[in-house]
Every structure is written in structure tokens, then in C-alpha cells.
Amino acid sequence: QCMFDSSLALERELGLDLWPEETPQIRGIRYSVGEPDGGLALQFGGRLAAPAQSVDQRRKMAAWLELLEERGGRVLIESLEPEDLDGLAEEH
């Protein structure tokens, strides 16, 4: 879910970074490892070299499908049967 700088840079390059102003910047990260009894076994963290972000993937994919259609692509949502797959593979 969390996207780090290299992935965000690719989204920016492709014009897919649609949420830069409304998505909080994640500037650090902390990892915790629990013990079987629920206690804390280990914890460490640090600051990121560049901010990360997190956008709900359901929101992101829905917006990207709309953007694909705006850019001339075609999105089809329909039921398929296994025998339909060979024909789709040939088309694409």
C-alpha cells in the first residue's frame, strides 16, 4: 500500500500522480516485531530519504481506469468464461 520514492517518481513521469496535494507525506518508517505472548521483541525505524505516500488502491485503480479512457483507451467490464480467454489473448 505504501509507495516509496522510486515508484512515485514513475507515477509522476507517466502523469499518474493524481493525489500529490491531498495525500499526507510519509517521512519515516518504524518496524515492530512481536513476541508470541504479545510483548514487543524488537523495534527499529528511521527517516526516509524522500517522502512516501499511501493512496487506497481501490481509489487509485478506479481513477486510473477513468484516465485510461480519457486518454483513448477502452475499458470493458464483462463476464467471461474460460473458453473466451484464447480469443482475448489473440486480441491483446
PDB file of N, CA and C in Angstrom:
ATOM      1  N   GLN A   1       0.820  -1.184   0.000  1.00  0.00           N
ATOM      2  CA  GLN A   1       0.000   0.000   0.000  1.00  0.00           C
ATOM      3  C   GLN A   1       0.867   1.253   0.000  1.00  0.00           C
ATOM      4  N   CYS A   2       1.913   1.262   0.776  1.00  0.00           N
ATOM      5  CA  CYS A   2       2.789   2.437   0.837  1.00  0.00           C
ATOM      6  C   CYS A   2       3.705   2.448  -0.385  1.00  0.00           C
ATOM      7  N   MET A   3       3.722   3.583  -1.077  1.00  0.00           N
ATOM      8  CA  MET A   3       4.549   3.723  -2.282  1.00  0.00           C
ATOM      9  C   MET A   3       5.767   4.580  -1.922  1.00  0.00           C
ATOM     10  N   PHE A   4       6.939   4.072  -2.253  1.00  0.00           N
ATOM     11  CA  PHE A   4       8.166   4.794  -1.956  1.00  0.00           C
ATOM     12  C   PHE A   4       8.605   5.613  -3.167  1.00  0.00           C
ATOM     13  N   ASP A   5       9.644   6.416  -2.991  1.00  0.00           N
ATOM     14  CA  ASP A   5      10.016   7.448  -3.957  1.00  0.00           C
ATOM     15  C   ASP A   5      10.228   6.931  -5.382  1.00  0.00           C
ATOM     16  N   SER A   6      10.879   5.791  -5.551  1.00  0.00           N
ATOM     17  CA  SER A   6      11.137   5.310  -6.920  1.00  0.00           C
ATOM     18  C   SER A   6       9.826   5.005  -7.653  1.00  0.00           C
ATOM     19  N   SER A   7       8.855   4.432  -6.964  1.00  0.00           N
ATOM     20  CA  SER A   7       7.555   4.155  -7.578  1.00  0.00           C
ATOM     21  C   SER A   7       6.768   5.434  -7.804  1.00  0.00           C
ATOM     22  N   LEU A   8       6.823   6.351  -6.859  1.00  0.00           N
ATOM     23  CA  LEU A   8       6.135   7.635  -7.018  1.00  0.00           C
ATOM     24  C   LEU A   8       6.725   8.429  -8.175  1.00  0.00           C
ATOM     25  N   ALA A   9       8.035   8.352  -8.361  1.00  0.00           N
ATOM     26  CA  ALA A   9       8.687   9.058  -9.475  1.00  0.00           C
ATOM     27  C   ALA A   9       8.180   8.526 -10.809  1.00  0.00           C
ATOM     28  N   LEU A  10       7.994   7.221 -10.912  1.00  0.00           N
ATOM     29  CA  LEU A  10       7.461   6.622 -12.138  1.00  0.00           C
ATOM     30  C   LEU A  10       6.023   7.084 -12.381  1.00  0.00           C
ATOM     31  N   GLU A  11       5.210   7.124 -11.327  1.00  0.00           N
ATOM     32  CA  GLU A  11       3.836   7.614 -11.473  1.00  0.00           C
ATOM     33  C   GLU A  11       3.836   9.075 -11.940  1.00  0.00           C
ATOM     34  N   ARG A  12       4.721   9.903 -11.368  1.00  0.00           N
ATOM     35  CA  ARG A  12       4.802  11.306 -11.791  1.00  0.00           C
ATOM     36  C   ARG A  12       5.204  11.410 -13.258  1.00  0.00           C
ATOM     37  N   GLU A  13       6.178  10.629 -13.663  1.00  0.00           N
ATOM     38  CA  GLU A  13       6.671  10.641 -15.046  1.00  0.00           C
ATOM     39  C   GLU A  13       5.558  10.280 -16.036  1.00  0.00           C
ATOM     40  N   LEU A  14       4.677   9.373 -15.652  1.00  0.00           N
ATOM     41  CA  LEU A  14       3.608   8.903 -16.529  1.00  0.00           C
ATOM     42  C   LEU A  14       2.318   9.709 -16.385  1.00  0.00           C
ATOM     43  N   GLY A  15       2.346  10.736 -15.537  1.00  0.00           N
ATOM     44  CA  GLY A  15       1.144  11.540 -15.330  1.00  0.00           C
ATOM     45  C   GLY A  15       0.069  10.821 -14.539  1.00  0.00           C
ATOM     46  N   LEU A  16       0.482   9.895 -13.678  1.00  0.00           N
ATOM     47  CA  LEU A  16      -0.467   9.108 -12.892  1.00  0.00           C
ATOM     48  C   LEU A  16      -0.524   9.519 -11.430  1.00  0.00           C
ATOM     49  N   ASP A  17       0.245  10.514 -11.057  1.00  0.00           N
ATOM     50  CA  ASP A  17       0.293  11.001  -9.677  1.00  0.00           C
ATOM     51  C   ASP A  17      -0.840  12.011  -9.497  1.00  0.00           C
ATOM     52  N   LEU A  18      -2.030  11.518  -9.181  1.00  0.00           N
ATOM     53  CA  LEU A  18      -3.226  12.343  -9.147  1.00  0.00           C
ATOM     54  C   LEU A  18      -3.550  12.910  -7.770  1.00  0.00           C
ATOM     55  N   TRP A  19      -2.755  12.585  -6.753  1.00  0.00           N
ATOM     56  CA  TRP A  19      -3.107  12.958  -5.387  1.00  0.00           C
ATOM     57  C   TRP A  19      -1.986  13.663  -4.623  1.00  0.00           C
ATOM     58  N   PRO A  20      -1.103  14.411  -5.245  1.00  0.00           N
ATOM     59  CA  PRO A  20       0.041  14.945  -4.503  1.00  0.00           C
ATOM     60  C   PRO A  20      -0.338  15.937  -3.402  1.00  0.00           C
ATOM     61  N   GLU A  21      -1.404  16.684  -3.579  1.00  0.00           N
ATOM     62  CA  GLU A  21      -1.778  17.701  -2.595  1.00  0.00           C
ATOM     63  C   GLU A  21      -2.614  17.150  -1.448  1.00  0.00           C
ATOM     64  N   GLU A  22      -3.339  16.066  -1.677  1.00  0.00           N
ATOM     65  CA  GLU A  22      -4.243  15.573  -0.642  1.00  0.00           C
ATOM     66  C   GLU A  22      -3.722  14.343   0.103  1.00  0.00           C
ATOM     67  N   THR A  23      -2.572  13.836  -0.308  1.00  0.00           N
ATOM     68  CA  THR A  23      -2.023  12.645   0.334  1.00  0.00           C
ATOM     69  C   THR A  23      -0.925  13.045   1.312  1.00  0.00           C
ATOM     70  N   PRO A  24      -1.052  12.654   2.569  1.00  0.00           N
ATOM     71  CA  PRO A  24      -0.001  13.005   3.539  1.00  0.00           C
ATOM     72  C   PRO A  24       1.357  12.439   3.139  1.00  0.00           C
ATOM     73  N   GLN A  25       2.388  13.189   3.423  1.00  0.00           N
ATOM     74  CA  GLN A  25       3.756  12.755   3.162  1.00  0.00           C
ATOM     75  C   GLN A  25       4.216  11.856   4.318  1.00  0.00           C
ATOM     76  N   ILE A  26       4.721  10.697   3.984  1.00  0.00           N
ATOM     77  CA  ILE A  26       5.266   9.773   4.988  1.00  0.00           C
ATOM     78  C   ILE A  26       6.772   9.981   4.984  1.00  0.00           C
ATOM     79  N   ARG A  27       7.296  10.506   6.054  1.00  0.00           N
ATOM     80  CA  ARG A  27       8.710  10.893   6.095  1.00  0.00           C
ATOM     81  C   ARG A  27       9.595   9.901   6.853  1.00  0.00           C
ATOM     82  N   GLY A  28       8.982   8.958   7.532  1.00  0.00           N
ATOM     83  CA  GLY A  28       9.755   7.967   8.266  1.00  0.00           C
ATOM     84  C   GLY A  28       8.970   6.681   8.387  1.00  0.00           C
ATOM     85  N   ILE A  29       9.651   5.666   8.886  1.00  0.00           N
ATOM     86  CA  ILE A  29       9.008   4.360   8.992  1.00  0.00           C
ATOM     87  C   ILE A  29       9.537   3.664  10.242  1.00  0.00           C
ATOM     88  N   ARG A  30       8.674   2.863  10.876  1.00  0.00           N
ATOM     89  CA  ARG A  30       9.076   2.118  12.066  1.00  0.00           C
ATOM     90  C   ARG A  30       8.544   0.698  11.949  1.00  0.00           C
ATOM     91  N   TYR A  31       9.376  -0.248  12.250  1.00  0.00           N
ATOM     92  CA  TYR A  31       9.002  -1.667  12.213  1.00  0.00           C
ATOM     93  C   TYR A  31       8.992  -2.209  13.635  1.00  0.00           C
ATOM     94  N   SER A  32       8.011  -3.026  13.942  1.00  0.00           N
ATOM     95  CA  SER A  32       7.905  -3.668  15.245  1.00  0.00           C
ATOM     96  C   SER A  32       7.734  -5.169  15.035  1.00  0.00           C
ATOM     97  N   VAL A  33       8.411  -5.943  15.852  1.00  0.00           N
ATOM     98  CA  VAL A  33       8.302  -7.393  15.813  1.00  0.00           C
ATOM     99  C   VAL A  33       7.782  -7.839  17.175  1.00  0.00           C
ATOM    100  N   GLY A  34       6.663  -8.557  17.133  1.00  0.00           N
ATOM    101  CA  GLY A  34       6.055  -9.002  18.381  1.00  0.00           C
ATOM    102  C   GLY A  34       6.532 -10.374  18.810  1.00  0.00           C
ATOM    103  N   GLU A  35       6.407 -10.614  20.108  1.00  0.00           N
ATOM    104  CA  GLU A  35       6.698 -11.930  20.673  1.00  0.00           C
ATOM    105  C   GLU A  35       5.399 -12.743  20.688  1.00  0.00           C
ATOM    106  N   PRO A  36       5.491 -14.050  20.785  1.00  0.00           N
ATOM    107  CA  PRO A  36       4.277 -14.880  20.796  1.00  0.00           C
ATOM    108  C   PRO A  36       3.287 -14.493  21.899  1.00  0.00           C
ATOM    109  N   ASP A  37       3.783 -13.980  23.026  1.00  0.00           N
ATOM    110  CA  ASP A  37       2.880 -13.603  24.124  1.00  0.00           C
ATOM    111  C   ASP A  37       2.309 -12.200  23.961  1.00  0.00           C
ATOM    112  N   GLY A  38       2.624 -11.527  22.849  1.00  0.00           N
ATOM    113  CA  GLY A  38       2.101 -10.192  22.602  1.00  0.00           C
ATOM    114  C   GLY A  38       3.039  -9.070  22.991  1.00  0.00           C
ATOM    115  N   GLY A  39       4.145  -9.404  23.636  1.00  0.00           N
ATOM    116  CA  GLY A  39       5.120  -8.385  24.007  1.00  0.00           C
ATOM    117  C   GLY A  39       5.912  -7.910  22.792  1.00  0.00           C
ATOM    118  N   LEU A  40       6.655  -6.857  22.984  1.00  0.00           N
ATOM    119  CA  LEU A  40       7.472  -6.286  21.923  1.00  0.00           C
ATOM    120  C   LEU A  40       8.864  -6.912  21.951  1.00  0.00           C
ATOM    121  N   ALA A  41       9.250  -7.573  20.865  1.00  0.00           N
ATOM    122  CA  ALA A  41      10.552  -8.225  20.790  1.00  0.00           C
ATOM    123  C   ALA A  41      11.609  -7.276  20.238  1.00  0.00           C
ATOM    124  N   LEU A  42      11.238  -6.497  19.252  1.00  0.00           N
ATOM    125  CA  LEU A  42      12.209  -5.649  18.556  1.00  0.00           C
ATOM    126  C   LEU A  42      11.467  -4.511  17.874  1.00  0.00           C
ATOM    127  N   GLN A  43      12.101  -3.345  17.868  1.00  0.00           N
ATOM    128  CA  GLN A  43      11.525  -2.209  17.159  1.00  0.00           C
ATOM    129  C   GLN A  43      12.663  -1.343  16.629  1.00  0.00           C
ATOM    130  N   PHE A  44      12.545  -0.927  15.374  1.00  0.00           N
ATOM    131  CA  PHE A  44      13.542  -0.032  14.784  1.00  0.00           C
ATOM    132  C   PHE A  44      12.875   0.812  13.716  1.00  0.00           C
ATOM    133  N   GLY A  45      13.486   1.909  13.363  1.00  0.00           N
ATOM    134  CA  GLY A  45      12.907   2.782  12.365  1.00  0.00           C
ATOM    135  C   GLY A  45      13.904   3.824  11.908  1.00  0.00           C
ATOM    136  N   GLY A  46      13.446   4.704  11.060  1.00  0.00           N
ATOM    137  CA  GLY A  46      14.305   5.760  10.567  1.00  0.00           C
ATOM    138  C   GLY A  46      13.560   6.684   9.619  1.00  0.00           C
ATOM    139  N   ARG A  47      14.257   7.719   9.188  1.00  0.00           N
ATOM    140  CA  ARG A  47      13.696   8.672   8.241  1.00  0.00           C
ATOM    141  C   ARG A  47      13.962   8.199   6.825  1.00  0.00           C
ATOM    142  N   LEU A  48      13.023   8.473   5.933  1.00  0.00           N
ATOM    143  CA  LEU A  48      13.173   8.122   4.528  1.00  0.00           C
ATOM    144  C   LEU A  48      13.956   9.219   3.812  1.00  0.00           C
ATOM    145  N   ALA A  49      14.701   8.848   2.800  1.00  0.00           N
ATOM    146  CA  ALA A  49      15.466   9.818   2.009  1.00  0.00           C
ATOM    147  C   ALA A  49      14.531  10.762   1.263  1.00  0.00           C
ATOM    148  N   ALA A  50      13.368  10.274   0.847  1.00  0.00           N
ATOM    149  CA  ALA A  50      12.347  11.074   0.179  1.00  0.00           C
ATOM    150  C   ALA A  50      10.995  10.585   0.685  1.00  0.00           C
ATOM    151  N   PRO A  51       9.989  11.457   0.729  1.00  0.00           N
ATOM    152  CA  PRO A  51       8.696  11.057   1.279  1.00  0.00           C
ATOM    153  C   PRO A  51       8.033   9.924   0.490  1.00  0.00           C
ATOM    154  N   ALA A  52       7.322   9.096   1.216  1.00  0.00           N
ATOM    155  CA  ALA A  52       6.476   8.054   0.632  1.00  0.00           C
ATOM    156  C   ALA A  52       5.035   8.544   0.741  1.00  0.00           C
ATOM    157  N   GLN A  53       4.120   7.844   0.078  1.00  0.00           N
ATOM    158  CA  GLN A  53       2.698   8.174   0.146  1.00  0.00           C
ATOM    159  C   GLN A  53       1.878   6.895   0.116  1.00  0.00           C
ATOM    160  N   SER A  54       0.645   7.017   0.578  1.00  0.00           N
ATOM    161  CA  SER A  54      -0.263   5.878   0.531  1.00  0.00           C
ATOM    162  C   SER A  54      -1.636   6.351   0.070  1.00  0.00           C
ATOM    163  N   VAL A  55      -2.117   5.781  -1.025  1.00  0.00           N
ATOM    164  CA  VAL A  55      -3.451   6.047  -1.550  1.00  0.00           C
ATOM    165  C   VAL A  55      -4.155   4.698  -1.633  1.00  0.00           C
ATOM    166  N   ASP A  56      -5.377   4.632  -1.159  1.00  0.00           N
ATOM    167  CA  ASP A  56      -6.148   3.392  -1.214  1.00  0.00           C
ATOM    168  C   ASP A  56      -6.155   2.878  -2.654  1.00  0.00           C
ATOM    169  N   GLN A  57      -5.745   1.644  -2.841  1.00  0.00           N
ATOM    170  CA  GLN A  57      -5.616   1.064  -4.180  1.00  0.00           C
ATOM    171  C   GLN A  57      -6.951   1.007  -4.928  1.00  0.00           C
ATOM    172  N   ARG A  58      -8.056   0.877  -4.223  1.00  0.00           N
ATOM    173  CA  ARG A  58      -9.371   0.876  -4.894  1.00  0.00           C
ATOM    174  C   ARG A  58      -9.627   2.237  -5.531  1.00  0.00           C
ATOM    175  N   ARG A  59      -9.283   3.289  -4.827  1.00  0.00           N
ATOM    176  CA  ARG A  59      -9.452   4.643  -5.371  1.00  0.00           C
ATOM    177  C   ARG A  59      -8.502   4.872  -6.541  1.00  0.00           C
ATOM    178  N   LYS A  60      -7.260   4.437  -6.358  1.00  0.00           N
ATOM    179  CA  LYS A  60      -6.243   4.644  -7.388  1.00  0.00           C
ATOM    180  C   LYS A  60      -6.608   3.922  -8.684  1.00  0.00           C
ATOM    181  N   MET A  61      -6.976   2.649  -8.604  1.00  0.00           N
ATOM    182  CA  MET A  61      -7.270   1.882  -9.816  1.00  0.00           C
ATOM    183  C   MET A  61      -8.521   2.406 -10.520  1.00  0.00           C
ATOM    184  N   ALA A  62      -9.537   2.807  -9.752  1.00  0.00           N
ATOM    185  CA  ALA A  62     -10.742   3.362 -10.373  1.00  0.00           C
ATOM    186  C   ALA A  62     -10.405   4.644 -11.135  1.00  0.00           C
ATOM    187  N   ALA A  63      -9.610   5.517 -10.536  1.00  0.00           N
ATOM    188  CA  ALA A  63      -9.226   6.772 -11.198  1.00  0.00           C
ATOM    189  C   ALA A  63      -8.362   6.496 -12.418  1.00  0.00           C
ATOM    190  N   TRP A  64      -7.469   5.524 -12.325  1.00  0.00           N
ATOM    191  CA  TRP A  64      -6.605   5.211 -13.470  1.00  0.00           C
ATOM    192  C   TRP A  64      -7.407   4.610 -14.626  1.00  0.00           C
ATOM    193  N   LEU A  65      -8.437   3.828 -14.338  1.00  0.00           N
ATOM    194  CA  LEU A  65      -9.281   3.300 -15.411  1.00  0.00           C
ATOM    195  C   LEU A  65     -10.006   4.440 -16.128  1.00  0.00           C
ATOM    196  N   GLU A  66     -10.495   5.422 -15.367  1.00  0.00           N
ATOM    197  CA  GLU A  66     -11.127   6.591 -15.983  1.00  0.00           C
ATOM    198  C   GLU A  66     -10.115   7.372 -16.823  1.00  0.00           C
ATOM    199  N   LEU A  67      -8.907   7.538 -16.308  1.00  0.00           N
ATOM    200  CA  LEU A  67      -7.861   8.256 -17.032  1.00  0.00           C
ATOM    201  C   LEU A  67      -7.487   7.520 -18.318  1.00  0.00           C
ATOM    202  N   LEU A  68      -7.447   6.199 -18.263  1.00  0.00           N
ATOM    203  CA  LEU A  68      -7.154   5.410 -19.463  1.00  0.00           C
ATOM    204  C   LEU A  68      -8.178   5.704 -20.560  1.00  0.00           C
ATOM    205  N   GLU A  69      -9.451   5.748 -20.181  1.00  0.00           N
ATOM    206  CA  GLU A  69     -10.485   6.047 -21.169  1.00  0.00           C
ATOM    207  C   GLU A  69     -10.366   7.481 -21.684  1.00  0.00           C
ATOM    208  N   GLU A  70     -10.033   8.433 -20.796  1.00  0.00           N
ATOM    209  CA  GLU A  70      -9.837   9.823 -21.224  1.00  0.00           C
ATOM    210  C   GLU A  70      -8.693   9.938 -22.230  1.00  0.00           C
ATOM    211  N   ARG A  71      -7.697   9.066 -22.091  1.00  0.00           N
ATOM    212  CA  ARG A  71      -6.522   9.094 -22.969  1.00  0.00           C
ATOM    213  C   ARG A  71      -6.706   8.225 -24.216  1.00  0.00           C
ATOM    214  N   GLY A  72      -7.924   7.716 -24.430  1.00  0.00           N
ATOM    215  CA  GLY A  72      -8.206   6.973 -25.650  1.00  0.00           C
ATOM    216  C   GLY A  72      -8.245   5.468 -25.509  1.00  0.00           C
ATOM    217  N   GLY A  73      -8.021   4.954 -24.313  1.00  0.00           N
ATOM    218  CA  GLY A  73      -8.101   3.511 -24.098  1.00  0.00           C
ATOM    219  C   GLY A  73      -9.541   3.061 -23.965  1.00  0.00           C
ATOM    220  N   ARG A  74      -9.724   1.773 -23.915  1.00  0.00           N
ATOM    221  CA  ARG A  74     -11.061   1.199 -23.797  1.00  0.00           C
ATOM    222  C   ARG A  74     -11.078   0.231 -22.627  1.00  0.00           C
ATOM    223  N   VAL A  75     -11.997   0.423 -21.726  1.00  0.00           N
ATOM    224  CA  VAL A  75     -12.151  -0.448 -20.563  1.00  0.00           C
ATOM    225  C   VAL A  75     -13.455  -1.215 -20.731  1.00  0.00           C
ATOM    226  N   LEU A  76     -13.367  -2.523 -20.701  1.00  0.00           N
ATOM    227  CA  LEU A  76     -14.555  -3.379 -20.772  1.00  0.00           C
ATOM    228  C   LEU A  76     -14.664  -4.164 -19.476  1.00  0.00           C
ATOM    229  N   ILE A  77     -15.827  -4.138 -18.904  1.00  0.00           N
ATOM    230  CA  ILE A  77     -16.091  -4.931 -17.704  1.00  0.00           C
ATOM    231  C   ILE A  77     -17.244  -5.860 -18.059  1.00  0.00           C
ATOM    232  N   GLU A  78     -16.938  -7.142 -18.150  1.00  0.00           N
ATOM    233  CA  GLU A  78     -17.950  -8.111 -18.549  1.00  0.00           C
ATOM    234  C   GLU A  78     -17.605  -9.478 -17.994  1.00  0.00           C
ATOM    235  N   SER A  79     -18.573 -10.348 -18.008  1.00  0.00           N
ATOM    236  CA  SER A  79     -18.362 -11.720 -17.553  1.00  0.00           C
ATOM    237  C   SER A  79     -17.641 -12.510 -18.640  1.00  0.00           C
ATOM    238  N   LEU A  80     -16.768 -13.397 -18.223  1.00  0.00           N
ATOM    239  CA  LEU A  80     -16.014 -14.233 -19.159  1.00  0.00           C
ATOM    240  C   LEU A  80     -16.116 -15.689 -18.748  1.00  0.00           C
ATOM    241  N   GLU A  81     -15.963 -16.532 -19.712  1.00  0.00           N
ATOM    242  CA  GLU A  81     -15.869 -17.967 -19.490  1.00  0.00           C
ATOM    243  C   GLU A  81     -14.457 -18.389 -19.885  1.00  0.00           C
ATOM    244  N   PRO A  82     -13.962 -19.494 -19.363  1.00  0.00           N
ATOM    245  CA  PRO A  82     -12.607 -19.931 -19.707  1.00  0.00           C
ATOM    246  C   PRO A  82     -12.354 -20.014 -21.213  1.00  0.00           C
ATOM    247  N   GLU A  83     -13.372 -20.417 -21.972  1.00  0.00           N
ATOM    248  CA  GLU A  83     -13.181 -20.538 -23.425  1.00  0.00           C
ATOM    249  C   GLU A  83     -13.016 -19.177 -24.121  1.00  0.00           C
ATOM    250  N   ASP A  84     -13.313 -18.064 -23.419  1.00  0.00           N
ATOM    251  CA  ASP A  84     -13.145 -16.725 -24.006  1.00  0.00           C
ATOM    252  C   ASP A  84     -11.679 -16.256 -23.966  1.00  0.00           C
ATOM    253  N   LEU A  85     -10.875 -16.891 -23.141  1.00  0.00           N
ATOM    254  CA  LEU A  85      -9.517 -16.385 -22.916  1.00  0.00           C
ATOM    255  C   LEU A  85      -8.609 -16.460 -24.127  1.00  0.00           C
ATOM    256  N   ASP A  86      -8.700 -17.505 -24.926  1.00  0.00           N
ATOM    257  CA  ASP A  86      -7.839 -17.602 -26.107  1.00  0.00           C
ATOM    258  C   ASP A  86      -8.085 -16.450 -27.069  1.00  0.00           C
ATOM    259  N   GLY A  87      -9.341 -16.113 -27.310  1.00  0.00           N
ATOM    260  CA  GLY A  87      -9.669 -15.005 -28.180  1.00  0.00           C
ATOM    261  C   GLY A  87      -9.168 -13.672 -27.651  1.00  0.00           C
ATOM    262  N   LEU A  88      -9.284 -13.460 -26.354  1.00  0.00           N
ATOM    263  CA  LEU A  88      -8.784 -12.231 -25.742  1.00  0.00           C
ATOM    264  C   LEU A  88      -7.261 -12.165 -25.853  1.00  0.00           C
ATOM    265  N   ALA A  89      -6.603 -13.276 -25.644  1.00  0.00           N
ATOM    266  CA  ALA A  89      -5.141 -13.301 -25.733  1.00  0.00           C
ATOM    267  C   ALA A  89      -4.688 -12.947 -27.150  1.00  0.00           C
ATOM    268  N   GLU A  90      -5.382 -13.419 -28.158  1.00  0.00           N
ATOM    269  CA  GLU A  90      -5.042 -13.103 -29.549  1.00  0.00           C
ATOM    270  C   GLU A  90      -5.227 -11.609 -29.823  1.00  0.00           C
ATOM    271  N   GLU A  91      -6.278 -11.012 -29.277  1.00  0.00           N
ATOM    272  CA  GLU A  91      -6.557  -9.574 -29.490  1.00  0.00           C
ATOM    273  C   GLU A  91      -5.526  -8.682 -28.811  1.00  0.00           C
ATOM    274  N   HIS A  92      -4.995  -9.125 -27.710  1.00  0.00           N
ATOM    275  CA  HIS A  92      -4.137  -8.267 -26.916  1.00  0.00           C
ATOM    276  C   HIS A  92      -2.715  -8.774 -26.846  1.00  0.00           C
TER     277      HIS A  92
END
